[in-house]
Each structure stands twice: as structure tokens, then as C-alpha cells.
């Protein structure tokens, strides 16, 4: 079984989505609607959390708890 990739604060949104596509729904629910835009290519999970008033550590924890669909 392949090793599951862990999402980190320093990953860009695009990297995180590529590693775990199932996180898209959670990001959308948390107000991050620009998943496919240019900003997602360079903005880290930590930066996005800050912009959206979210706790980056909690967001990363929640993203990593999601199971593949």
C-alpha cells in the first residue's frame, strides 16, 4: 500500500490538491473557493488560512484526517 502523503503548512494549495484531491470539498466549505486560480499555484496552506481567518494548524490537521474517496 502506498504511503499516504501528509499535508503541511508550507505546501501550496495546488500541491496539496494534487496529493489529496479529496481535500477540495473541505477547503471550499472553509471559504477557499479559488482552488483552481493562479493564486492557488503559489499560495501556501498557511498563507491561505491566514487570509481566510483560519488556524493553519487546525486546518492542516483536518485536511490530513480526510480519507481517500
Foldseek 3Di string as FASTA:
>chain_A
DDDQDAADQFAALQRLCVRAVVCVVVCVVLPNPPSPDPRSVPHGLNNVCVVSVHDSVVSSVVSRPDDHD
